[in-house]
N, C-alpha and C. Protein backbone atom coordinates (compact mmCIF):
# COMPACT_ATOMS: atom_id res chain seq x y z
N UNK A 1 0.82 -1.21 0.01
CA UNK A 1 -0.03 0.01 0.03
C UNK A 1 0.90 1.23 -0.05
N UNK A 2 0.73 2.04 -0.98
CA UNK A 2 1.51 3.28 -1.08
C UNK A 2 0.99 4.31 -0.04
N UNK A 3 1.81 4.69 0.88
CA UNK A 3 1.42 5.62 1.86
C UNK A 3 1.75 7.03 1.50
N UNK A 4 1.18 7.99 2.24
CA UNK A 4 1.41 9.38 2.04
C UNK A 4 2.81 9.66 2.43
N UNK A 5 3.57 10.47 1.61
CA UNK A 5 4.96 10.76 1.89
C UNK A 5 5.16 11.51 3.16
N UNK A 6 4.24 12.46 3.45
CA UNK A 6 4.32 13.20 4.67
C UNK A 6 4.16 12.35 5.95
N UNK A 7 3.25 11.40 5.80
CA UNK A 7 3.03 10.48 6.92
C UNK A 7 4.27 9.59 7.17
N UNK A 8 4.79 9.08 6.06
CA UNK A 8 6.04 8.25 6.15
C UNK A 8 7.17 9.04 6.75
N UNK A 9 7.39 10.32 6.33
CA UNK A 9 8.41 11.12 6.87
C UNK A 9 8.23 11.35 8.41
N UNK A 10 6.99 11.55 8.72
CA UNK A 10 6.61 11.83 10.17
C UNK A 10 6.84 10.58 11.01
N UNK A 11 6.44 9.38 10.43
CA UNK A 11 6.69 8.09 11.16
C UNK A 11 8.17 7.88 11.33
N UNK A 12 9.00 8.31 10.32
CA UNK A 12 10.42 8.18 10.52
C UNK A 12 11.00 9.10 11.62
N UNK A 13 10.36 10.27 11.72
CA UNK A 13 10.76 11.21 12.80
C UNK A 13 10.50 10.60 14.17
N UNK A 14 9.30 9.97 14.32
CA UNK A 14 8.92 9.32 15.52
C UNK A 14 9.84 8.16 15.79
N UNK A 15 10.23 7.41 14.69
CA UNK A 15 11.15 6.33 14.82
C UNK A 15 12.52 6.76 15.38
N UNK A 16 12.99 7.89 14.82
CA UNK A 16 14.20 8.48 15.31
C UNK A 16 14.12 8.79 16.83
N UNK A 17 13.05 9.28 17.29
CA UNK A 17 12.81 9.59 18.67
C UNK A 17 12.84 8.30 19.56
N UNK A 18 12.17 7.22 19.00
CA UNK A 18 12.12 5.96 19.77
C UNK A 18 13.46 5.32 19.81
N UNK A 19 14.25 5.36 18.73
CA UNK A 19 15.61 4.83 18.76
C UNK A 19 16.54 5.57 19.69
N UNK A 20 16.35 6.83 19.78
CA UNK A 20 17.10 7.68 20.70
C UNK A 20 16.72 7.30 22.14
N UNK A 21 15.49 7.18 22.37
CA UNK A 21 14.95 6.82 23.71
C UNK A 21 15.44 5.46 24.21
N UNK A 22 15.51 4.49 23.26
CA UNK A 22 16.08 3.17 23.64
C UNK A 22 17.44 3.33 24.23
N UNK A 23 18.32 4.06 23.57
CA UNK A 23 19.64 4.26 24.04
C UNK A 23 19.77 4.97 25.31
N UNK A 24 19.00 6.08 25.44
CA UNK A 24 19.04 6.85 26.69
C UNK A 24 18.59 6.08 27.91
N UNK A 25 17.40 5.37 27.77
CA UNK A 25 16.90 4.64 28.87
C UNK A 25 17.72 3.37 29.21
N UNK A 26 18.30 2.75 28.18
CA UNK A 26 19.15 1.64 28.42
C UNK A 26 20.43 1.99 29.22
N UNK A 27 21.07 3.02 28.78
CA UNK A 27 22.17 3.49 29.48
C UNK A 27 21.90 3.92 30.88
N UNK A 28 20.82 4.65 31.11
CA UNK A 28 20.41 5.04 32.47
C UNK A 28 20.13 3.75 33.31
N UNK A 29 19.48 2.77 32.71
CA UNK A 29 19.18 1.53 33.39
C UNK A 29 20.50 0.89 33.89
N UNK A 30 21.40 0.82 33.05
CA UNK A 30 22.68 0.19 33.38
C UNK A 30 23.47 0.98 34.48
N UNK A 31 23.35 2.27 34.39
CA UNK A 31 24.00 3.10 35.36
C UNK A 31 23.35 2.87 36.76
N UNK A 32 21.96 2.86 36.77
CA UNK A 32 21.30 2.57 38.01
C UNK A 32 21.66 1.17 38.53
N UNK A 33 21.74 0.16 37.65
CA UNK A 33 22.14 -1.12 38.04
C UNK A 33 23.53 -1.13 38.73
N UNK A 34 24.47 -0.48 38.09
CA UNK A 34 25.81 -0.36 38.58
C UNK A 34 25.87 0.22 39.96
N UNK A 35 24.98 1.16 40.21
CA UNK A 35 24.89 1.82 41.58
C UNK A 35 24.06 1.03 42.56
N UNK A 36 23.52 -0.03 42.13
CA UNK A 36 22.69 -0.86 43.06
C UNK A 36 21.21 -0.37 43.24
N UNK A 37 20.81 0.50 42.35
CA UNK A 37 19.44 1.08 42.42
C UNK A 37 18.50 0.26 41.58
N UNK A 38 18.12 -0.88 42.18
CA UNK A 38 17.42 -1.92 41.43
C UNK A 38 16.11 -1.56 40.82
N UNK A 39 15.29 -0.85 41.65
CA UNK A 39 14.02 -0.36 41.14
C UNK A 39 14.10 0.55 39.94
N UNK A 40 14.99 1.44 40.00
CA UNK A 40 15.19 2.41 38.85
C UNK A 40 15.82 1.66 37.67
N UNK A 41 16.69 0.81 37.92
CA UNK A 41 17.20 -0.08 36.81
C UNK A 41 16.11 -0.82 36.10
N UNK A 42 15.25 -1.47 36.90
CA UNK A 42 14.17 -2.28 36.31
C UNK A 42 13.21 -1.40 35.46
N UNK A 43 12.86 -0.26 36.04
CA UNK A 43 11.89 0.61 35.34
C UNK A 43 12.55 1.16 34.03
N UNK A 44 13.77 1.54 34.05
CA UNK A 44 14.43 2.07 32.84
C UNK A 44 14.67 1.01 31.83
N UNK A 45 15.02 -0.18 32.28
CA UNK A 45 15.28 -1.30 31.38
C UNK A 45 13.98 -1.65 30.65
N UNK A 46 12.88 -1.72 31.39
CA UNK A 46 11.59 -2.05 30.73
C UNK A 46 11.16 -0.99 29.77
N UNK A 47 11.48 0.27 30.09
CA UNK A 47 11.12 1.39 29.20
C UNK A 47 11.90 1.25 27.91
N UNK A 48 13.22 0.92 27.98
CA UNK A 48 13.98 0.75 26.79
C UNK A 48 13.45 -0.39 25.93
N UNK A 49 13.06 -1.50 26.52
CA UNK A 49 12.47 -2.62 25.81
C UNK A 49 11.12 -2.23 25.18
N UNK A 50 10.33 -1.50 25.88
CA UNK A 50 9.04 -1.02 25.29
C UNK A 50 9.32 -0.15 24.11
N UNK A 51 10.28 0.76 24.24
CA UNK A 51 10.62 1.65 23.10
C UNK A 51 11.11 0.80 21.88
N UNK A 52 11.81 -0.29 22.17
CA UNK A 52 12.28 -1.13 21.07
C UNK A 52 11.06 -1.75 20.36
N UNK A 53 10.09 -2.18 21.12
CA UNK A 53 8.91 -2.77 20.52
C UNK A 53 8.12 -1.70 19.76
N UNK A 54 8.05 -0.46 20.28
CA UNK A 54 7.42 0.64 19.56
C UNK A 54 8.15 0.90 18.26
N UNK A 55 9.49 0.94 18.32
CA UNK A 55 10.28 1.17 17.12
C UNK A 55 9.99 0.07 16.04
N UNK A 56 9.88 -1.18 16.59
CA UNK A 56 9.62 -2.27 15.66
C UNK A 56 8.28 -2.07 14.95
N UNK A 57 7.29 -1.66 15.69
CA UNK A 57 5.95 -1.42 15.08
C UNK A 57 6.01 -0.29 14.07
N UNK A 58 6.77 0.79 14.37
CA UNK A 58 6.96 1.85 13.43
C UNK A 58 7.64 1.40 12.16
N UNK A 59 8.70 0.60 12.33
CA UNK A 59 9.41 0.04 11.13
C UNK A 59 8.50 -0.77 10.25
N UNK A 60 7.69 -1.63 10.86
CA UNK A 60 6.76 -2.46 10.10
C UNK A 60 5.75 -1.58 9.41
N UNK A 61 5.22 -0.54 10.05
CA UNK A 61 4.27 0.32 9.45
C UNK A 61 4.88 1.13 8.27
N UNK A 62 6.08 1.62 8.48
CA UNK A 62 6.71 2.35 7.37
C UNK A 62 6.96 1.46 6.16
N UNK A 63 7.36 0.25 6.38
CA UNK A 63 7.53 -0.73 5.31
C UNK A 63 6.22 -1.03 4.65
N UNK A 64 5.15 -1.19 5.43
CA UNK A 64 3.80 -1.47 4.86
C UNK A 64 3.41 -0.35 3.94
N UNK A 65 3.75 0.89 4.32
CA UNK A 65 3.37 2.08 3.52
C UNK A 65 4.33 2.27 2.40
N UNK A 66 5.25 1.35 2.13
CA UNK A 66 6.21 1.35 1.02
C UNK A 66 7.21 2.43 1.24
N UNK A 67 7.54 2.74 2.47
CA UNK A 67 8.58 3.70 2.76
C UNK A 67 9.82 2.98 3.23
N UNK A 68 10.88 3.73 3.48
CA UNK A 68 12.11 3.13 3.92
C UNK A 68 12.40 3.66 5.37
N UNK A 69 12.34 2.77 6.34
CA UNK A 69 12.66 3.15 7.71
C UNK A 69 14.12 3.66 7.87
N UNK A 70 14.29 4.77 8.52
CA UNK A 70 15.57 5.35 8.70
C UNK A 70 16.11 4.99 10.13
N UNK A 71 17.01 3.99 10.15
CA UNK A 71 17.56 3.55 11.42
C UNK A 71 18.91 4.17 11.69
N UNK A 72 19.32 5.07 10.82
CA UNK A 72 20.63 5.67 10.98
C UNK A 72 20.57 6.96 11.80
N UNK A 73 19.44 7.57 11.85
CA UNK A 73 19.33 8.87 12.61
C UNK A 73 19.02 8.64 14.05
N UNK A 74 19.80 9.36 14.86
CA UNK A 74 19.51 9.38 16.26
C UNK A 74 19.48 10.86 16.78
N UNK A 75 18.61 11.11 17.69
CA UNK A 75 18.58 12.46 18.33
C UNK A 75 19.60 12.54 19.40
N UNK A 76 19.60 13.68 20.10
CA UNK A 76 20.53 13.94 21.20
C UNK A 76 20.10 13.15 22.42
N UNK A 77 21.08 12.43 22.98
CA UNK A 77 20.84 11.74 24.26
C UNK A 77 21.09 12.75 25.40
N UNK A 78 20.17 12.64 26.36
CA UNK A 78 20.38 13.46 27.57
C UNK A 78 20.74 12.46 28.70
N UNK A 79 21.99 12.44 29.07
CA UNK A 79 22.52 11.47 30.04
C UNK A 79 22.93 12.24 31.33
N UNK A 80 22.35 11.83 32.40
CA UNK A 80 22.62 12.48 33.66
C UNK A 80 23.80 11.81 34.35
N UNK A 81 24.35 12.44 35.38
CA UNK A 81 25.46 11.94 36.17
C UNK A 81 25.11 11.50 37.50
N UNK A 82 23.88 11.79 37.96
CA UNK A 82 23.41 11.27 39.23
C UNK A 82 21.85 11.08 39.09
N UNK A 83 21.29 10.43 40.05
CA UNK A 83 19.84 10.06 39.96
C UNK A 83 18.91 11.19 39.61
N UNK A 84 19.02 12.30 40.32
CA UNK A 84 18.17 13.44 40.07
C UNK A 84 18.34 13.97 38.65
N UNK A 85 19.56 14.06 38.24
CA UNK A 85 19.88 14.64 36.91
C UNK A 85 19.38 13.67 35.85
N UNK A 86 19.53 12.40 36.08
CA UNK A 86 19.06 11.37 35.13
C UNK A 86 17.51 11.45 34.97
N UNK A 87 16.79 11.55 36.12
CA UNK A 87 15.32 11.73 36.01
C UNK A 87 15.00 13.01 35.31
N UNK A 88 15.74 14.06 35.57
CA UNK A 88 15.46 15.37 34.90
C UNK A 88 15.71 15.24 33.38
N UNK A 89 16.73 14.57 33.04
CA UNK A 89 17.03 14.34 31.59
C UNK A 89 15.97 13.55 30.92
N UNK A 90 15.49 12.57 31.59
CA UNK A 90 14.42 11.71 31.03
C UNK A 90 13.14 12.50 30.85
N UNK A 91 12.82 13.35 31.87
CA UNK A 91 11.63 14.24 31.77
C UNK A 91 11.78 15.19 30.65
N UNK A 92 12.96 15.74 30.45
CA UNK A 92 13.18 16.66 29.37
C UNK A 92 12.95 15.97 28.01
N UNK A 93 13.50 14.71 27.86
CA UNK A 93 13.31 14.01 26.66
C UNK A 93 11.81 13.71 26.44
N UNK A 94 11.07 13.29 27.45
CA UNK A 94 9.67 13.00 27.28
C UNK A 94 8.89 14.23 26.93
N UNK A 95 9.20 15.38 27.49
CA UNK A 95 8.50 16.65 27.20
C UNK A 95 8.74 17.07 25.76
N UNK A 96 9.87 16.74 25.23
CA UNK A 96 10.17 17.06 23.82
C UNK A 96 9.40 16.12 22.89
N UNK A 97 9.26 14.88 23.35
CA UNK A 97 8.68 13.87 22.49
C UNK A 97 7.11 14.03 22.31
N UNK A 98 6.47 14.46 23.44
CA UNK A 98 5.03 14.49 23.44
C UNK A 98 4.42 15.39 22.37
N UNK A 99 4.90 16.65 22.18
CA UNK A 99 4.33 17.49 21.14
C UNK A 99 4.57 16.90 19.71
N UNK A 100 5.71 16.26 19.55
CA UNK A 100 6.03 15.64 18.27
C UNK A 100 4.99 14.55 17.96
N UNK A 101 4.66 13.74 18.97
CA UNK A 101 3.65 12.67 18.78
C UNK A 101 2.28 13.29 18.51
N UNK A 102 1.94 14.35 19.24
CA UNK A 102 0.62 14.95 19.01
C UNK A 102 0.51 15.49 17.62
N UNK A 103 1.59 16.14 17.13
CA UNK A 103 1.56 16.65 15.71
C UNK A 103 1.46 15.52 14.71
N UNK A 104 2.13 14.44 14.94
CA UNK A 104 2.09 13.28 14.08
C UNK A 104 0.76 12.67 14.03
N UNK A 105 0.04 12.62 15.17
CA UNK A 105 -1.31 12.06 15.24
C UNK A 105 -2.24 13.00 14.44
N UNK A 106 -2.09 14.31 14.55
CA UNK A 106 -2.91 15.22 13.85
C UNK A 106 -2.73 15.12 12.35
N UNK A 107 -1.47 14.92 11.89
CA UNK A 107 -1.19 14.69 10.51
C UNK A 107 -1.82 13.49 9.93
N UNK A 108 -1.70 12.38 10.71
CA UNK A 108 -2.27 11.14 10.27
C UNK A 108 -3.80 11.26 10.17
N UNK A 109 -4.42 11.96 11.10
CA UNK A 109 -5.87 12.19 11.05
C UNK A 109 -6.21 13.02 9.78
N UNK A 110 -5.41 14.03 9.52
CA UNK A 110 -5.68 14.83 8.33
C UNK A 110 -5.55 14.06 7.06
N UNK A 111 -4.53 13.14 7.04
CA UNK A 111 -4.32 12.39 5.78
C UNK A 111 -5.09 11.09 5.81
N UNK A 112 -6.00 10.94 6.79
CA UNK A 112 -6.91 9.79 6.92
C UNK A 112 -6.16 8.46 6.93
N UNK A 113 -5.00 8.46 7.65
CA UNK A 113 -4.28 7.25 7.89
C UNK A 113 -4.62 6.87 9.34
N UNK A 114 -5.71 6.18 9.54
CA UNK A 114 -6.20 5.92 10.90
C UNK A 114 -5.42 4.78 11.60
N UNK A 115 -4.87 3.89 10.85
CA UNK A 115 -4.06 2.89 11.48
C UNK A 115 -2.77 3.46 12.10
N UNK A 116 -2.14 4.32 11.36
CA UNK A 116 -0.93 4.96 11.91
C UNK A 116 -1.29 5.86 13.07
N UNK A 117 -2.39 6.55 12.98
CA UNK A 117 -2.90 7.45 14.04
C UNK A 117 -3.08 6.63 15.31
N UNK A 118 -3.80 5.51 15.18
CA UNK A 118 -4.08 4.70 16.39
C UNK A 118 -2.76 4.16 17.05
N UNK A 119 -1.83 3.75 16.19
CA UNK A 119 -0.54 3.33 16.68
C UNK A 119 0.18 4.43 17.43
N UNK A 120 0.17 5.59 16.91
CA UNK A 120 0.79 6.73 17.55
C UNK A 120 0.08 7.17 18.82
N UNK A 121 -1.25 7.05 18.81
CA UNK A 121 -2.02 7.30 20.04
C UNK A 121 -1.58 6.39 21.18
N UNK A 122 -1.35 5.13 20.85
CA UNK A 122 -0.97 4.12 21.84
C UNK A 122 0.41 4.53 22.42
N UNK A 123 1.32 4.97 21.52
CA UNK A 123 2.62 5.35 21.92
C UNK A 123 2.51 6.60 22.79
N UNK A 124 1.69 7.58 22.40
CA UNK A 124 1.51 8.79 23.17
C UNK A 124 0.99 8.44 24.57
N UNK A 125 0.02 7.63 24.66
CA UNK A 125 -0.50 7.25 26.01
C UNK A 125 0.58 6.66 26.91
N UNK A 126 1.41 5.78 26.36
CA UNK A 126 2.48 5.17 27.16
C UNK A 126 3.50 6.26 27.60
N UNK A 127 3.85 7.16 26.68
CA UNK A 127 4.86 8.13 26.99
C UNK A 127 4.31 9.17 27.96
N UNK A 128 3.04 9.50 27.96
CA UNK A 128 2.41 10.36 28.90
C UNK A 128 2.44 9.72 30.32
N UNK A 129 2.16 8.45 30.31
CA UNK A 129 2.17 7.72 31.61
C UNK A 129 3.62 7.66 32.21
N UNK A 130 4.61 7.47 31.30
CA UNK A 130 5.96 7.40 31.79
C UNK A 130 6.42 8.77 32.34
N UNK A 131 6.02 9.86 31.70
CA UNK A 131 6.34 11.19 32.15
C UNK A 131 5.70 11.37 33.55
N UNK A 132 4.49 10.95 33.69
CA UNK A 132 3.79 11.04 34.99
C UNK A 132 4.62 10.25 36.11
N UNK A 133 5.13 9.09 35.73
CA UNK A 133 5.92 8.31 36.66
C UNK A 133 7.23 9.07 37.05
N UNK A 134 7.86 9.71 36.02
CA UNK A 134 9.07 10.47 36.31
C UNK A 134 8.77 11.64 37.28
N UNK A 135 7.71 12.37 36.99
CA UNK A 135 7.30 13.49 37.79
C UNK A 135 6.96 13.05 39.25
N UNK A 136 6.42 11.84 39.33
CA UNK A 136 6.12 11.32 40.71
C UNK A 136 7.43 11.03 41.42
N UNK A 137 8.43 10.52 40.70
CA UNK A 137 9.79 10.28 41.39
C UNK A 137 10.42 11.58 41.80
N UNK A 138 10.31 12.58 40.94
CA UNK A 138 10.85 13.93 41.28
C UNK A 138 10.09 14.49 42.51
N UNK A 139 8.86 14.33 42.58
CA UNK A 139 8.10 14.76 43.77
C UNK A 139 8.53 14.00 45.01
N UNK A 140 8.76 12.76 44.94
CA UNK A 140 9.17 11.95 46.06
C UNK A 140 10.54 12.36 46.55
N UNK A 141 11.44 12.67 45.62
CA UNK A 141 12.76 13.19 45.98
C UNK A 141 12.62 14.50 46.76
N UNK A 142 11.77 15.39 46.26
CA UNK A 142 11.57 16.66 46.94
C UNK A 142 10.91 16.41 48.33
N UNK A 143 10.02 15.52 48.43
CA UNK A 143 9.31 15.34 49.68
C UNK A 143 10.08 14.59 50.77
N UNK A 144 10.83 13.59 50.29
CA UNK A 144 11.55 12.79 51.34
C UNK A 144 13.04 12.92 51.37
N UNK A 145 13.61 13.68 50.41
CA UNK A 145 15.06 13.89 50.34
C UNK A 145 15.68 12.80 49.52
N UNK A 146 16.77 13.09 48.94
CA UNK A 146 17.42 12.20 47.94
C UNK A 146 17.87 10.91 48.72
N UNK A 147 18.40 11.05 49.90
CA UNK A 147 18.96 9.87 50.60
C UNK A 147 17.88 8.86 50.84
N UNK A 148 16.73 9.30 51.38
CA UNK A 148 15.62 8.36 51.64
C UNK A 148 15.05 7.77 50.35
N UNK A 149 14.98 8.58 49.35
CA UNK A 149 14.49 8.10 48.03
C UNK A 149 15.43 7.00 47.55
N UNK A 150 16.69 7.24 47.54
CA UNK A 150 17.69 6.30 47.01
C UNK A 150 17.62 4.91 47.83
N UNK A 151 17.42 5.05 49.14
CA UNK A 151 17.29 3.89 49.98
C UNK A 151 16.13 3.06 49.55
N UNK A 152 15.04 3.74 49.23
CA UNK A 152 13.81 2.98 48.77
C UNK A 152 14.06 2.30 47.45
N UNK A 153 14.93 2.80 46.60
CA UNK A 153 15.18 2.19 45.31
C UNK A 153 16.12 1.00 45.38
N UNK A 154 16.87 0.85 46.49
CA UNK A 154 17.74 -0.30 46.70
C UNK A 154 17.01 -1.50 47.22
N UNK A 155 15.95 -1.27 47.96
CA UNK A 155 15.29 -2.29 48.78
C UNK A 155 14.74 -3.42 47.89
N UNK A 156 14.44 -3.15 46.59
CA UNK A 156 13.85 -4.16 45.73
C UNK A 156 14.71 -5.38 45.39
N UNK A 157 15.91 -5.50 45.98
CA UNK A 157 16.82 -6.57 45.57
C UNK A 157 16.72 -7.73 46.51
N UNK A 158 15.77 -8.66 46.22
CA UNK A 158 15.57 -9.80 47.08
C UNK A 158 16.15 -11.07 46.41
């Protein structure tokens, strides 16, 4: 099925974002693991895997629309040096990604590509939930202090 060129280009932009996200969250996961912060490692690792599955779905959709998925482009990684900075970097990345997804959804609606729109809406919902989780972590750090927060992240190692 020959897809709309604008839609294919936009899906490739979202693919770039997902590929970038995979790398950022995977690195943060491994940094957390190295520091013994098991809960944060697990959450970030699962996020990177989810992003990989989302990237896979985007690749399949682009191919179905007879486009060429661009796996060579990566955006800027925001890598923190401590837990608070890492969460802040992840929030920054999410906040940049959400408007891009909303614009892509609007384009797909305009071009009447409802399958791509629905896929992007699912991605948007997941990304919004993840941003909410990050903001909850930042709130907990503010409320209980970084030391108590970090202690809670270590406890999950049974």
